[in-house]
Amino acid sequence: MLRQYLHLDANDRLEKHGVAHHDPATVMCWRILSAGGQPKGTVMLYDKLSTRRSWPAEYRLTQRDAGGKVVVDKLMETSPLDAA
């Protein structure tokens, strides 16, 4: 599941914010909300990264806090949405 890769509090929840298509990649976006509904940050998942990279990765997961600071930036070979 996606949550295992993120820095979240137990009561935080993810709310799907949208999907954007940037040929050939798809970018999925979520908002991180506190238990009280206050925004705490964002999560973006990019797929189909350029094959001209020197490392094998299909996905990039990025988490930012409410101030825009990057908290997690991880390259992955498999989708975090498919992880058990």
Protein backbone atom coordinates (compact mmCIF):
# COMPACT_ATOMS: atom_id res chain seq x y z
CA MET A 1 0.00 0.00 0.00
CA LEU A 2 1.05 3.56 -0.63
CA ARG A 3 1.04 4.59 3.05
CA GLN A 4 4.01 2.37 3.92
CA TYR A 5 6.32 4.56 1.82
CA LEU A 6 5.15 7.88 3.30
CA HIS A 7 5.81 9.77 6.51
CA LEU A 8 2.28 9.98 7.92
CA ASP A 9 0.75 10.10 11.38
CA ALA A 10 -1.63 7.27 12.26
CA ASN A 11 -4.69 9.55 11.96
CA ASP A 12 -3.68 11.19 8.67
CA ARG A 13 -5.68 10.31 5.59
CA LEU A 14 -5.02 10.51 1.88
CA GLU A 15 -7.61 12.13 -0.39
CA LYS A 16 -7.19 11.61 -4.12
CA HIS A 17 -6.81 15.01 -5.70
CA GLY A 18 -6.53 14.25 -9.38
CA VAL A 19 -4.77 12.61 -12.29
CA ALA A 20 -2.80 14.42 -14.97
CA HIS A 21 -1.48 12.96 -18.21
CA HIS A 22 1.88 14.23 -19.42
CA ASP A 23 2.72 12.15 -22.47
CA PRO A 24 3.80 9.44 -21.86
CA ALA A 25 3.60 9.69 -18.06
CA THR A 26 0.61 9.78 -15.76
CA VAL A 27 0.79 11.77 -12.53
CA MET A 28 -1.54 10.84 -9.68
CA CYS A 29 -1.99 13.34 -6.84
CA TRP A 30 -3.26 13.05 -3.27
CA ARG A 31 -3.73 15.55 -0.44
CA ILE A 32 -2.63 14.59 3.06
CA LEU A 33 -5.25 15.64 5.59
CA SER A 34 -5.04 15.56 9.37
CA ALA A 35 -7.75 13.91 11.48
CA GLY A 36 -9.39 17.34 11.71
CA GLY A 37 -9.36 17.83 7.94
CA GLN A 38 -6.48 20.32 7.85
CA PRO A 39 -4.15 20.01 4.83
CA LYS A 40 -0.72 18.70 5.81
CA GLY A 41 0.89 18.15 2.42
CA THR A 42 0.70 16.42 -0.93
CA VAL A 43 1.77 13.17 -2.55
CA MET A 44 2.54 12.70 -6.25
CA LEU A 45 3.15 9.43 -8.07
CA TYR A 46 4.71 9.58 -11.54
CA ASP A 47 4.76 6.52 -13.78
CA LYS A 48 6.59 5.70 -17.01
CA LEU A 49 9.76 7.60 -16.26
CA SER A 50 12.16 8.21 -19.12
CA THR A 51 14.10 5.12 -20.10
CA ARG A 52 17.20 7.25 -20.71
CA ARG A 53 18.06 7.21 -17.01
CA SER A 54 21.02 5.31 -15.62
CA TRP A 55 18.95 3.57 -12.92
CA PRO A 56 16.06 1.15 -13.37
CA ALA A 57 12.91 2.84 -12.15
CA GLU A 58 9.37 3.00 -13.45
CA TYR A 59 7.82 5.12 -10.70
CA ARG A 60 8.70 8.20 -8.69
CA LEU A 61 6.93 8.91 -5.40
CA THR A 62 7.21 12.42 -3.95
CA GLN A 63 5.72 13.66 -0.68
CA ARG A 64 5.78 17.34 0.30
CA ASP A 65 4.75 18.98 3.53
CA ALA A 66 2.33 21.94 3.69
CA GLY A 67 5.23 24.36 3.16
CA GLY A 68 6.35 22.60 -0.03
CA LYS A 69 9.44 20.94 1.48
CA VAL A 70 10.18 17.49 0.06
CA VAL A 71 9.74 14.82 2.74
CA VAL A 72 9.98 11.68 0.57
CA ASP A 73 11.46 11.34 -2.93
CA LYS A 74 11.74 7.70 -3.92
CA LEU A 75 12.35 5.90 -7.21
CA MET A 76 10.71 2.49 -7.51
CA GLU A 77 10.64 -0.42 -9.92
CA THR A 78 7.08 -1.46 -9.00
CA SER A 79 4.01 0.59 -8.26
CA PRO A 80 3.45 1.38 -4.58
CA LEU A 81 -0.27 1.04 -5.28
CA ASP A 82 0.20 -2.67 -6.04
CA ALA A 83 2.35 -3.43 -2.98
CA ALA A 84 0.83 -5.70 -0.35
